[in-house]
Amino acid sequence: MAQQVQVLLVDDVDGGTAEETVSFALDGKSYEIDLNADNAEELRRSLTPFVESARKTRNTKAAGPKRKNQQSSSRERTAEIRAWAKQQGKQVNDRGRIPASIVAEYEAAH
């Protein structure tokens, strides 16, 4: 049996049909947005003066494995979130991934 899957992009700005996905980064966070040709052009045009004045940097994903101090600080943060969640009466396992909703509540509280 054959299947055909069709993905339709919706413009994230105006809700119409999008033609492309545009990727960009700001303040250390990467973003993607689906846009039609006009909105994609407008985004690129509005960013052009900043891009032309900016320095290029290395892609942080290609930088290799995390350093140990980053891993240990991540473990410490996880332990803090678990402890906070338990104090708040939230059900959280002693091991494994912490649900995103609990992490979001922790971040909102701190």
PDB file of N, CA and C in Angstrom:
ATOM      1  N   MET A   1       0.846  -1.173   0.000  1.00  0.00           N
ATOM      2  CA  MET A   1       0.000   0.000   0.000  1.00  0.00           C
ATOM      3  C   MET A   1       0.893   1.238   0.000  1.00  0.00           C
ATOM      4  N   ALA A   2       0.644   2.147  -0.865  1.00  0.00           N
ATOM      5  CA  ALA A   2       1.432   3.373  -0.969  1.00  0.00           C
ATOM      6  C   ALA A   2       0.753   4.490  -0.197  1.00  0.00           C
ATOM      7  N   GLN A   3       1.591   5.352   0.355  1.00  0.00           N
ATOM      8  CA  GLN A   3       1.088   6.523   1.054  1.00  0.00           C
ATOM      9  C   GLN A   3       1.769   7.755   0.507  1.00  0.00           C
ATOM     10  N   GLN A   4       1.046   8.837   0.526  1.00  0.00           N
ATOM     11  CA  GLN A   4       1.623  10.111   0.133  1.00  0.00           C
ATOM     12  C   GLN A   4       1.331  11.093   1.256  1.00  0.00           C
ATOM     13  N   VAL A   5       2.402  11.659   1.807  1.00  0.00           N
ATOM     14  CA  VAL A   5       2.266  12.611   2.897  1.00  0.00           C
ATOM     15  C   VAL A   5       2.571  13.987   2.352  1.00  0.00           C
ATOM     16  N   GLN A   6       1.715  14.925   2.638  1.00  0.00           N
ATOM     17  CA  GLN A   6       1.893  16.285   2.146  1.00  0.00           C
ATOM     18  C   GLN A   6       1.990  17.214   3.338  1.00  0.00           C
ATOM     19  N   VAL A   7       3.045  18.022   3.382  1.00  0.00           N
ATOM     20  CA  VAL A   7       3.235  18.999   4.450  1.00  0.00           C
ATOM     21  C   VAL A   7       2.931  20.375   3.872  1.00  0.00           C
ATOM     22  N   LEU A   8       2.001  21.061   4.485  1.00  0.00           N
ATOM     23  CA  LEU A   8       1.642  22.403   4.048  1.00  0.00           C
ATOM     24  C   LEU A   8       2.161  23.394   5.079  1.00  0.00           C
ATOM     25  N   LEU A   9       2.945  24.346   4.630  1.00  0.00           N
ATOM     26  CA  LEU A   9       3.478  25.363   5.533  1.00  0.00           C
ATOM     27  C   LEU A   9       2.502  26.525   5.637  1.00  0.00           C
ATOM     28  N   VAL A  10       2.309  26.990   6.868  1.00  0.00           N
ATOM     29  CA  VAL A  10       1.436  28.131   7.128  1.00  0.00           C
ATOM     30  C   VAL A  10       2.316  29.285   7.592  1.00  0.00           C
ATOM     31  N   ASP A  11       2.141  30.443   6.989  1.00  0.00           N
ATOM     32  CA  ASP A  11       2.913  31.627   7.356  1.00  0.00           C
ATOM     33  C   ASP A  11       2.631  31.969   8.813  1.00  0.00           C
ATOM     34  N   ASP A  12       3.699  32.011   9.621  1.00  0.00           N
ATOM     35  CA  ASP A  12       3.560  32.267  11.051  1.00  0.00           C
ATOM     36  C   ASP A  12       3.193  33.711  11.364  1.00  0.00           C
ATOM     37  N   VAL A  13       3.293  34.608  10.382  1.00  0.00           N
ATOM     38  CA  VAL A  13       2.963  36.013  10.611  1.00  0.00           C
ATOM     39  C   VAL A  13       1.517  36.313  10.230  1.00  0.00           C
ATOM     40  N   ASP A  14       1.126  35.918   9.015  1.00  0.00           N
ATOM     41  CA  ASP A  14      -0.214  36.298   8.560  1.00  0.00           C
ATOM     42  C   ASP A  14      -1.189  35.138   8.378  1.00  0.00           C
ATOM     43  N   GLY A  15      -0.741  33.902   8.631  1.00  0.00           N
ATOM     44  CA  GLY A  15      -1.643  32.764   8.554  1.00  0.00           C
ATOM     45  C   GLY A  15      -1.917  32.236   7.164  1.00  0.00           C
ATOM     46  N   GLY A  16      -1.335  32.869   6.148  1.00  0.00           N
ATOM     47  CA  GLY A  16      -1.528  32.398   4.770  1.00  0.00           C
ATOM     48  C   GLY A  16      -0.596  31.239   4.461  1.00  0.00           C
ATOM     49  N   THR A  17      -0.456  30.938   3.190  1.00  0.00           N
ATOM     50  CA  THR A  17       0.421  29.859   2.759  1.00  0.00           C
ATOM     51  C   THR A  17       1.872  30.315   2.810  1.00  0.00           C
ATOM     52  N   ALA A  18       2.703  29.525   3.471  1.00  0.00           N
ATOM     53  CA  ALA A  18       4.133  29.843   3.552  1.00  0.00           C
ATOM     54  C   ALA A  18       4.876  29.109   2.442  1.00  0.00           C
ATOM     55  N   GLU A  19       5.991  29.690   2.028  1.00  0.00           N
ATOM     56  CA  GLU A  19       6.773  29.101   0.947  1.00  0.00           C
ATOM     57  C   GLU A  19       8.132  28.608   1.409  1.00  0.00           C
ATOM     58  N   GLU A  20       8.566  29.054   2.586  1.00  0.00           N
ATOM     59  CA  GLU A  20       9.883  28.631   3.065  1.00  0.00           C
ATOM     60  C   GLU A  20       9.977  28.759   4.580  1.00  0.00           C
ATOM     61  N   THR A  21      10.938  28.042   5.132  1.00  0.00           N
ATOM     62  CA  THR A  21      11.252  28.148   6.552  1.00  0.00           C
ATOM     63  C   THR A  21      12.548  28.931   6.676  1.00  0.00           C
ATOM     64  N   VAL A  22      12.530  30.010   7.432  1.00  0.00           N
ATOM     65  CA  VAL A  22      13.696  30.866   7.616  1.00  0.00           C
ATOM     66  C   VAL A  22      14.253  30.613   9.012  1.00  0.00           C
ATOM     67  N   SER A  23      15.555  30.356   9.092  1.00  0.00           N
ATOM     68  CA  SER A  23      16.230  30.141  10.367  1.00  0.00           C
ATOM     69  C   SER A  23      17.049  31.370  10.714  1.00  0.00           C
ATOM     70  N   PHE A  24      17.064  31.712  11.996  1.00  0.00           N
ATOM     71  CA  PHE A  24      17.911  32.809  12.467  1.00  0.00           C
ATOM     72  C   PHE A  24      18.178  32.601  13.947  1.00  0.00           C
ATOM     73  N   ALA A  25      19.143  33.350  14.473  1.00  0.00           N
ATOM     74  CA  ALA A  25      19.485  33.244  15.892  1.00  0.00           C
ATOM     75  C   ALA A  25      19.605  34.636  16.472  1.00  0.00           C
ATOM     76  N   LEU A  26      19.241  34.762  17.742  1.00  0.00           N
ATOM     77  CA  LEU A  26      19.322  36.035  18.442  1.00  0.00           C
ATOM     78  C   LEU A  26      19.500  35.752  19.922  1.00  0.00           C
ATOM     79  N   ASP A  27      20.430  36.435  20.547  1.00  0.00           N
ATOM     80  CA  ASP A  27      20.684  36.283  21.979  1.00  0.00           C
ATOM     81  C   ASP A  27      20.944  34.833  22.372  1.00  0.00           C
ATOM     82  N   GLY A  28      21.682  34.118  21.525  1.00  0.00           N
ATOM     83  CA  GLY A  28      22.062  32.745  21.843  1.00  0.00           C
ATOM     84  C   GLY A  28      20.976  31.709  21.625  1.00  0.00           C
ATOM     85  N   LYS A  29      19.848  32.103  21.071  1.00  0.00           N
ATOM     86  CA  LYS A  29      18.757  31.157  20.824  1.00  0.00           C
ATOM     87  C   LYS A  29      18.477  31.108  19.335  1.00  0.00           C
ATOM     88  N   SER A  30      18.264  29.898  18.825  1.00  0.00           N
ATOM     89  CA  SER A  30      17.970  29.706  17.405  1.00  0.00           C
ATOM     90  C   SER A  30      16.464  29.619  17.198  1.00  0.00           C
ATOM     91  N   TYR A  31      16.017  30.175  16.077  1.00  0.00           N
ATOM     92  CA  TYR A  31      14.599  30.218  15.756  1.00  0.00           C
ATOM     93  C   TYR A  31      14.384  29.773  14.315  1.00  0.00           C
ATOM     94  N   GLU A  32      13.196  29.270  14.038  1.00  0.00           N
ATOM     95  CA  GLU A  32      12.744  29.009  12.683  1.00  0.00           C
ATOM     96  C   GLU A  32      11.351  29.579  12.549  1.00  0.00           C
ATOM     97  N   ILE A  33      11.060  30.133  11.397  1.00  0.00           N
ATOM     98  CA  ILE A  33       9.744  30.699  11.146  1.00  0.00           C
ATOM     99  C   ILE A  33       9.361  30.389   9.705  1.00  0.00           C
ATOM    100  N   ASP A  34       8.117  29.977   9.504  1.00  0.00           N
ATOM    101  CA  ASP A  34       7.609  29.687   8.166  1.00  0.00           C
ATOM    102  C   ASP A  34       6.987  30.967   7.610  1.00  0.00           C
ATOM    103  N   LEU A  35       7.429  31.357   6.403  1.00  0.00           N
ATOM    104  CA  LEU A  35       6.994  32.629   5.822  1.00  0.00           C
ATOM    105  C   LEU A  35       6.703  32.496   4.339  1.00  0.00           C
ATOM    106  N   ASN A  36       5.832  33.387   3.850  1.00  0.00           N
ATOM    107  CA  ASN A  36       5.658  33.493   2.407  1.00  0.00           C
ATOM    108  C   ASN A  36       6.803  34.349   1.870  1.00  0.00           C
ATOM    109  N   ALA A  37       6.893  34.476   0.564  1.00  0.00           N
ATOM    110  CA  ALA A  37       8.031  35.177  -0.051  1.00  0.00           C
ATOM    111  C   ALA A  37       8.116  36.633   0.402  1.00  0.00           C
ATOM    112  N   ASP A  38       6.987  37.329   0.484  1.00  0.00           N
ATOM    113  CA  ASP A  38       7.003  38.741   0.870  1.00  0.00           C
ATOM    114  C   ASP A  38       7.469  38.924   2.317  1.00  0.00           C
ATOM    115  N   ASN A  39       6.949  38.101   3.224  1.00  0.00           N
ATOM    116  CA  ASN A  39       7.356  38.231   4.624  1.00  0.00           C
ATOM    117  C   ASN A  39       8.810  37.820   4.831  1.00  0.00           C
ATOM    118  N   ALA A  40       9.277  36.806   4.086  1.00  0.00           N
ATOM    119  CA  ALA A  40      10.679  36.402   4.175  1.00  0.00           C
ATOM    120  C   ALA A  40      11.588  37.531   3.695  1.00  0.00           C
ATOM    121  N   GLU A  41      11.184  38.175   2.603  1.00  0.00           N
ATOM    122  CA  GLU A  41      11.963  39.309   2.079  1.00  0.00           C
ATOM    123  C   GLU A  41      11.977  40.463   3.084  1.00  0.00           C
ATOM    124  N   GLU A  42      10.835  40.723   3.694  1.00  0.00           N
ATOM    125  CA  GLU A  42      10.747  41.808   4.684  1.00  0.00           C
ATOM    126  C   GLU A  42      11.636  41.523   5.893  1.00  0.00           C
ATOM    127  N   LEU A  43      11.648  40.270   6.357  1.00  0.00           N
ATOM    128  CA  LEU A  43      12.517  39.906   7.478  1.00  0.00           C
ATOM    129  C   LEU A  43      13.981  40.102   7.109  1.00  0.00           C
ATOM    130  N   ARG A  44      14.366  39.599   5.969  1.00  0.00           N
ATOM    131  CA  ARG A  44      15.769  39.736   5.537  1.00  0.00           C
ATOM    132  C   ARG A  44      16.149  41.204   5.338  1.00  0.00           C
ATOM    133  N   ARG A  45      15.250  41.986   4.746  1.00  0.00           N
ATOM    134  CA  ARG A  45      15.519  43.409   4.515  1.00  0.00           C
ATOM    135  C   ARG A  45      15.692  44.146   5.846  1.00  0.00           C
ATOM    136  N   SER A  46      14.853  43.819   6.817  1.00  0.00           N
ATOM    137  CA  SER A  46      14.929  44.523   8.101  1.00  0.00           C
ATOM    138  C   SER A  46      16.174  44.127   8.895  1.00  0.00           C
ATOM    139  N   LEU A  47      16.682  42.923   8.675  1.00  0.00           N
ATOM    140  CA  LEU A  47      17.884  42.480   9.399  1.00  0.00           C
ATOM    141  C   LEU A  47      19.188  42.859   8.688  1.00  0.00           C
ATOM    142  N   THR A  48      19.107  43.225   7.418  1.00  0.00           N
ATOM    143  CA  THR A  48      20.306  43.493   6.620  1.00  0.00           C
ATOM    144  C   THR A  48      21.275  44.473   7.265  1.00  0.00           C
ATOM    145  N   PRO A  49      20.858  45.645   7.778  1.00  0.00           N
ATOM    146  CA  PRO A  49      21.836  46.559   8.362  1.00  0.00           C
ATOM    147  C   PRO A  49      22.559  45.951   9.564  1.00  0.00           C
ATOM    148  N   PHE A  50      21.868  45.116  10.323  1.00  0.00           N
ATOM    149  CA  PHE A  50      22.482  44.496  11.496  1.00  0.00           C
ATOM    150  C   PHE A  50      23.436  43.380  11.083  1.00  0.00           C
ATOM    151  N   VAL A  51      23.023  42.579  10.094  1.00  0.00           N
ATOM    152  CA  VAL A  51      23.866  41.488   9.617  1.00  0.00           C
ATOM    153  C   VAL A  51      25.139  42.042   8.988  1.00  0.00           C
ATOM    154  N   GLU A  52      25.020  43.121   8.227  1.00  0.00           N
ATOM    155  CA  GLU A  52      26.192  43.708   7.574  1.00  0.00           C
ATOM    156  C   GLU A  52      27.174  44.290   8.576  1.00  0.00           C
ATOM    157  N   SER A  53      26.703  44.702   9.738  1.00  0.00           N
ATOM    158  CA  SER A  53      27.578  45.280  10.759  1.00  0.00           C
ATOM    159  C   SER A  53      28.080  44.247  11.771  1.00  0.00           C
ATOM    160  N   ALA A  54      27.558  43.045  11.715  1.00  0.00           N
ATOM    161  CA  ALA A  54      27.871  42.021  12.717  1.00  0.00           C
ATOM    162  C   ALA A  54      29.113  41.224  12.349  1.00  0.00           C
ATOM    163  N   ARG A  55      29.656  40.542  13.373  1.00  0.00           N
ATOM    164  CA  ARG A  55      30.762  39.602  13.169  1.00  0.00           C
ATOM    165  C   ARG A  55      30.178  38.202  13.048  1.00  0.00           C
ATOM    166  N   LYS A  56      30.780  37.371  12.201  1.00  0.00           N
ATOM    167  CA  LYS A  56      30.371  35.976  12.112  1.00  0.00           C
ATOM    168  C   LYS A  56      31.020  35.221  13.271  1.00  0.00           C
ATOM    169  N   THR A  57      30.293  34.229  13.784  1.00  0.00           N
ATOM    170  CA  THR A  57      30.826  33.405  14.873  1.00  0.00           C
ATOM    171  C   THR A  57      30.766  31.950  14.479  1.00  0.00           C
ATOM    172  N   ARG A  58      31.427  31.134  15.288  1.00  0.00           N
ATOM    173  CA  ARG A  58      31.383  29.694  15.048  1.00  0.00           C
ATOM    174  C   ARG A  58      30.014  29.165  15.382  1.00  0.00           C
ATOM    175  N   ASN A  59      29.642  28.124  14.689  1.00  0.00           N
ATOM    176  CA  ASN A  59      28.402  27.426  14.997  1.00  0.00           C
ATOM    177  C   ASN A  59      28.622  26.659  16.295  1.00  0.00           C
ATOM    178  N   THR A  60      27.864  26.972  17.341  1.00  0.00           N
ATOM    179  CA  THR A  60      28.082  26.349  18.636  1.00  0.00           C
ATOM    180  C   THR A  60      27.778  24.861  18.622  1.00  0.00           C
ATOM    181  N   LYS A  61      26.926  24.390  17.722  1.00  0.00           N
ATOM    182  CA  LYS A  61      26.633  22.968  17.645  1.00  0.00           C
ATOM    183  C   LYS A  61      27.856  22.193  17.178  1.00  0.00           C
ATOM    184  N   ALA A  62      28.712  22.823  16.388  1.00  0.00           N
ATOM    185  CA  ALA A  62      29.895  22.146  15.870  1.00  0.00           C
ATOM    186  C   ALA A  62      31.075  22.260  16.825  1.00  0.00           C
ATOM    187  N   ALA A  63      30.864  22.856  17.984  1.00  0.00           N
ATOM    188  CA  ALA A  63      31.966  23.086  18.912  1.00  0.00           C
ATOM    189  C   ALA A  63      32.421  21.830  19.623  1.00  0.00           C
ATOM    190  N   GLY A  64      31.674  20.741  19.531  1.00  0.00           N
ATOM    191  CA  GLY A  64      32.088  19.499  20.158  1.00  0.00           C
ATOM    192  C   GLY A  64      31.351  19.253  21.453  1.00  0.00           C
ATOM    193  N   PRO A  65      31.833  18.265  22.218  1.00  0.00           N
ATOM    194  CA  PRO A  65      31.130  17.898  23.441  1.00  0.00           C
ATOM    195  C   PRO A  65      31.221  18.978  24.507  1.00  0.00           C
ATOM    196  N   LYS A  66      30.260  18.933  25.420  1.00  0.00           N
ATOM    197  CA  LYS A  66      30.249  19.908  26.506  1.00  0.00           C
ATOM    198  C   LYS A  66      31.420  19.682  27.443  1.00  0.00           C
ATOM    199  N   ARG A  67      31.861  20.744  28.049  1.00  0.00           N
ATOM    200  CA  ARG A  67      32.912  20.635  29.054  1.00  0.00           C
ATOM    201  C   ARG A  67      32.323  20.076  30.335  1.00  0.00           C
ATOM    202  N   LYS A  68      33.186  19.509  31.176  1.00  0.00           N
ATOM    203  CA  LYS A  68      32.710  18.899  32.414  1.00  0.00           C
ATOM    204  C   LYS A  68      32.023  19.900  33.321  1.00  0.00           C
ATOM    205  N   ASN A  69      32.536  21.136  33.416  1.00  0.00           N
ATOM    206  CA  ASN A  69      31.899  22.097  34.316  1.00  0.00           C
ATOM    207  C   ASN A  69      30.485  22.433  33.857  1.00  0.00           C
ATOM    208  N   GLN A  70      30.219  22.402  32.544  1.00  0.00           N
ATOM    209  CA  GLN A  70      28.869  22.624  32.057  1.00  0.00           C
ATOM    210  C   GLN A  70      27.975  21.444  32.414  1.00  0.00           C
ATOM    211  N   GLN A  71      28.532  20.219  32.341  1.00  0.00           N
ATOM    212  CA  GLN A  71      27.748  19.045  32.687  1.00  0.00           C
ATOM    213  C   GLN A  71      27.416  19.033  34.167  1.00  0.00           C
ATOM    214  N   SER A  72      28.394  19.360  35.006  1.00  0.00           N
ATOM    215  CA  SER A  72      28.126  19.330  36.438  1.00  0.00           C
ATOM    216  C   SER A  72      27.155  20.440  36.827  1.00  0.00           C
ATOM    217  N   SER A  73      27.254  21.621  36.193  1.00  0.00           N
ATOM    218  CA  SER A  73      26.294  22.672  36.516  1.00  0.00           C
ATOM    219  C   SER A  73      24.900  22.275  36.051  1.00  0.00           C
ATOM    220  N   SER A  74      24.809  21.519  34.950  1.00  0.00           N
ATOM    221  CA  SER A  74      23.526  21.019  34.484  1.00  0.00           C
ATOM    222  C   SER A  74      22.955  20.029  35.493  1.00  0.00           C
ATOM    223  N   ARG A  75      23.813  19.175  36.042  1.00  0.00           N
ATOM    224  CA  ARG A  75      23.365  18.215  37.061  1.00  0.00           C
ATOM    225  C   ARG A  75      22.898  18.942  38.316  1.00  0.00           C
ATOM    226  N   GLU A  76      23.639  19.978  38.687  1.00  0.00           N
ATOM    227  CA  GLU A  76      23.249  20.756  39.870  1.00  0.00           C
ATOM    228  C   GLU A  76      21.890  21.426  39.648  1.00  0.00           C
ATOM    229  N   ARG A  77      21.697  21.969  38.476  1.00  0.00           N
ATOM    230  CA  ARG A  77      20.428  22.628  38.168  1.00  0.00           C
ATOM    231  C   ARG A  77      19.282  21.615  38.197  1.00  0.00           C
ATOM    232  N   THR A  78      19.523  20.438  37.632  1.00  0.00           N
ATOM    233  CA  THR A  78      18.510  19.392  37.649  1.00  0.00           C
ATOM    234  C   THR A  78      18.154  19.010  39.080  1.00  0.00           C
ATOM    235  N   ALA A  79      19.172  18.875  39.923  1.00  0.00           N
ATOM    236  CA  ALA A  79      18.925  18.536  41.329  1.00  0.00           C
ATOM    237  C   ALA A  79      18.121  19.641  42.012  1.00  0.00           C
ATOM    238  N   GLU A  80      18.437  20.896  41.706  1.00  0.00           N
ATOM    239  CA  GLU A  80      17.691  22.023  42.286  1.00  0.00           C
ATOM    240  C   GLU A  80      16.229  21.988  41.858  1.00  0.00           C
ATOM    241  N   ILE A  81      15.993  21.711  40.578  1.00  0.00           N
ATOM    242  CA  ILE A  81      14.624  21.672  40.065  1.00  0.00           C
ATOM    243  C   ILE A  81      13.849  20.536  40.726  1.00  0.00           C
ATOM    244  N   ARG A  82      14.491  19.350  40.848  1.00  0.00           N
ATOM    245  CA  ARG A  82      13.827  18.216  41.498  1.00  0.00           C
ATOM    246  C   ARG A  82      13.459  18.556  42.941  1.00  0.00           C
ATOM    247  N   ALA A  83      14.423  19.138  43.673  1.00  0.00           N
ATOM    248  CA  ALA A  83      14.175  19.489  45.074  1.00  0.00           C
ATOM    249  C   ALA A  83      13.040  20.503  45.178  1.00  0.00           C
ATOM    250  N   TRP A  84      13.056  21.515  44.323  1.00  0.00           N
ATOM    251  CA  TRP A  84      12.003  22.530  44.334  1.00  0.00           C
ATOM    252  C   TRP A  84      10.644  21.890  44.048  1.00  0.00           C
ATOM    253  N   ALA A  85      10.599  21.023  43.025  1.00  0.00           N
ATOM    254  CA  ALA A  85       9.339  20.390  42.638  1.00  0.00           C
ATOM    255  C   ALA A  85       8.781  19.555  43.789  1.00  0.00           C
ATOM    256  N   LYS A  86       9.637  18.812  44.472  1.00  0.00           N
ATOM    257  CA  LYS A  86       9.183  17.995  45.597  1.00  0.00           C
ATOM    258  C   LYS A  86       8.670  18.872  46.740  1.00  0.00           C
ATOM    259  N   GLN A  87       9.345  20.010  46.974  1.00  0.00           N
ATOM    260  CA  GLN A  87       8.884  20.940  48.016  1.00  0.00           C
ATOM    261  C   GLN A  87       7.520  21.516  47.670  1.00  0.00           C
ATOM    262  N   GLN A  88       7.253  21.654  46.380  1.00  0.00           N
ATOM    263  CA  GLN A  88       5.976  22.204  45.921  1.00  0.00           C
ATOM    264  C   GLN A  88       4.888  21.130  45.845  1.00  0.00           C
ATOM    265  N   GLY A  89       5.240  19.886  46.194  1.00  0.00           N
ATOM    266  CA  GLY A  89       4.272  18.800  46.159  1.00  0.00           C
ATOM    267  C   GLY A  89       4.047  18.226  44.766  1.00  0.00           C
ATOM    268  N   LYS A  90       4.939  18.515  43.863  1.00  0.00           N
ATOM    269  CA  LYS A  90       4.808  18.010  42.498  1.00  0.00           C
ATOM    270  C   LYS A  90       5.439  16.621  42.425  1.00  0.00           C
ATOM    271  N   GLN A  91       4.847  15.753  41.622  1.00  0.00           N
ATOM    272  CA  GLN A  91       5.372  14.408  41.477  1.00  0.00           C
ATOM    273  C   GLN A  91       6.461  14.417  40.418  1.00  0.00           C
ATOM    274  N   VAL A  92       7.674  14.078  40.840  1.00  0.00           N
ATOM    275  CA  VAL A  92       8.812  14.049  39.925  1.00  0.00           C
ATOM    276  C   VAL A  92       9.675  12.842  40.293  1.00  0.00           C
ATOM    277  N   ASN A  93      10.128  12.118  39.291  1.00  0.00           N
ATOM    278  CA  ASN A  93      10.962  10.940  39.526  1.00  0.00           C
ATOM    279  C   ASN A  93      12.343  11.341  40.021  1.00  0.00           C
ATOM    280  N   ASP A  94      12.988  10.429  40.744  1.00  0.00           N
ATOM    281  CA  ASP A  94      14.335  10.691  41.251  1.00  0.00           C
ATOM    282  C   ASP A  94      15.376  10.654  40.144  1.00  0.00           C
ATOM    283  N   ARG A  95      15.060  10.010  39.046  1.00  0.00           N
ATOM    284  CA  ARG A  95      15.987   9.916  37.922  1.00  0.00           C
ATOM    285  C   ARG A  95      15.234  10.168  36.627  1.00  0.00           C
ATOM    286  N   GLY A  96      15.984  10.431  35.580  1.00  0.00           N
ATOM    287  CA  GLY A  96      15.390  10.619  34.260  1.00  0.00           C
ATOM    288  C   GLY A  96      15.037  12.065  33.984  1.00  0.00           C
ATOM    289  N   ARG A  97      14.370  12.257  32.886  1.00  0.00           N
ATOM    290  CA  ARG A  97      14.026  13.593  32.415  1.00  0.00           C
ATOM    291  C   ARG A  97      12.938  14.209  33.277  1.00  0.00           C
ATOM    292  N   ILE A  98      13.110  15.484  33.575  1.00  0.00           N
ATOM    293  CA  ILE A  98      12.099  16.233  34.311  1.00  0.00           C
ATOM    294  C   ILE A  98      11.104  16.784  33.287  1.00  0.00           C
ATOM    295  N   PRO A  99       9.799  16.624  33.527  1.00  0.00           N
ATOM    296  CA  PRO A  99       8.817  17.138  32.565  1.00  0.00           C
ATOM    297  C   PRO A  99       9.017  18.632  32.297  1.00  0.00           C
ATOM    298  N   ALA A 100       8.849  19.028  31.057  1.00  0.00           N
ATOM    299  CA  ALA A 100       9.045  20.421  30.649  1.00  0.00           C
ATOM    300  C   ALA A 100       8.136  21.367  31.420  1.00  0.00           C
ATOM    301  N   SER A 101       6.944  20.903  31.760  1.00  0.00           N
ATOM    302  CA  SER A 101       6.016  21.770  32.496  1.00  0.00           C
ATOM    303  C   SER A 101       6.566  22.122  33.873  1.00  0.00           C
ATOM    304  N   ILE A 102       7.229  21.162  34.527  1.00  0.00           N
ATOM    305  CA  ILE A 102       7.814  21.427  35.848  1.00  0.00           C
ATOM    306  C   ILE A 102       9.015  22.362  35.709  1.00  0.00           C
ATOM    307  N   VAL A 103       9.829  22.156  34.686  1.00  0.00           N
ATOM    308  CA  VAL A 103      10.972  23.045  34.451  1.00  0.00           C
ATOM    309  C   VAL A 103      10.479  24.468  34.206  1.00  0.00           C
ATOM    310  N   ALA A 104       9.423  24.603  33.421  1.00  0.00           N
ATOM    311  CA  ALA A 104       8.866  25.935  33.123  1.00  0.00           C
ATOM    312  C   ALA A 104       8.339  26.592  34.402  1.00  0.00           C
ATOM    313  N   GLU A 105       7.665  25.827  35.263  1.00  0.00           N
ATOM    314  CA  GLU A 105       7.177  26.379  36.518  1.00  0.00           C
ATOM    315  C   GLU A 105       8.335  26.817  37.409  1.00  0.00           C
ATOM    316  N   TYR A 106       9.394  26.004  37.441  1.00  0.00           N
ATOM    317  CA  TYR A 106      10.578  26.356  38.233  1.00  0.00           C
ATOM    318  C   TYR A 106      11.188  27.669  37.736  1.00  0.00           C
ATOM    319  N   GLU A 107      11.354  27.762  36.419  1.00  0.00           N
ATOM    320  CA  GLU A 107      11.944  28.978  35.844  1.00  0.00           C
ATOM    321  C   GLU A 107      11.077  30.203  36.088  1.00  0.00           C
ATOM    322  N   ALA A 108       9.771  30.029  36.026  1.00  0.00           N
ATOM    323  CA  ALA A 108       8.865  31.151  36.299  1.00  0.00           C
ATOM    324  C   ALA A 108       8.960  31.595  37.752  1.00  0.00           C
ATOM    325  N   ALA A 109       9.167  30.633  38.643  1.00  0.00           N
ATOM    326  CA  ALA A 109       9.253  30.954  40.075  1.00  0.00           C
ATOM    327  C   ALA A 109      10.602  31.560  40.456  1.00  0.00           C
ATOM    328  N   HIS A 110      11.590  31.354  39.622  1.00  0.00           N
ATOM    329  CA  HIS A 110      12.924  31.875  39.944  1.00  0.00           C
ATOM    330  C   HIS A 110      13.302  32.911  38.929  1.00  0.00           C
TER     331      HIS A 110
END
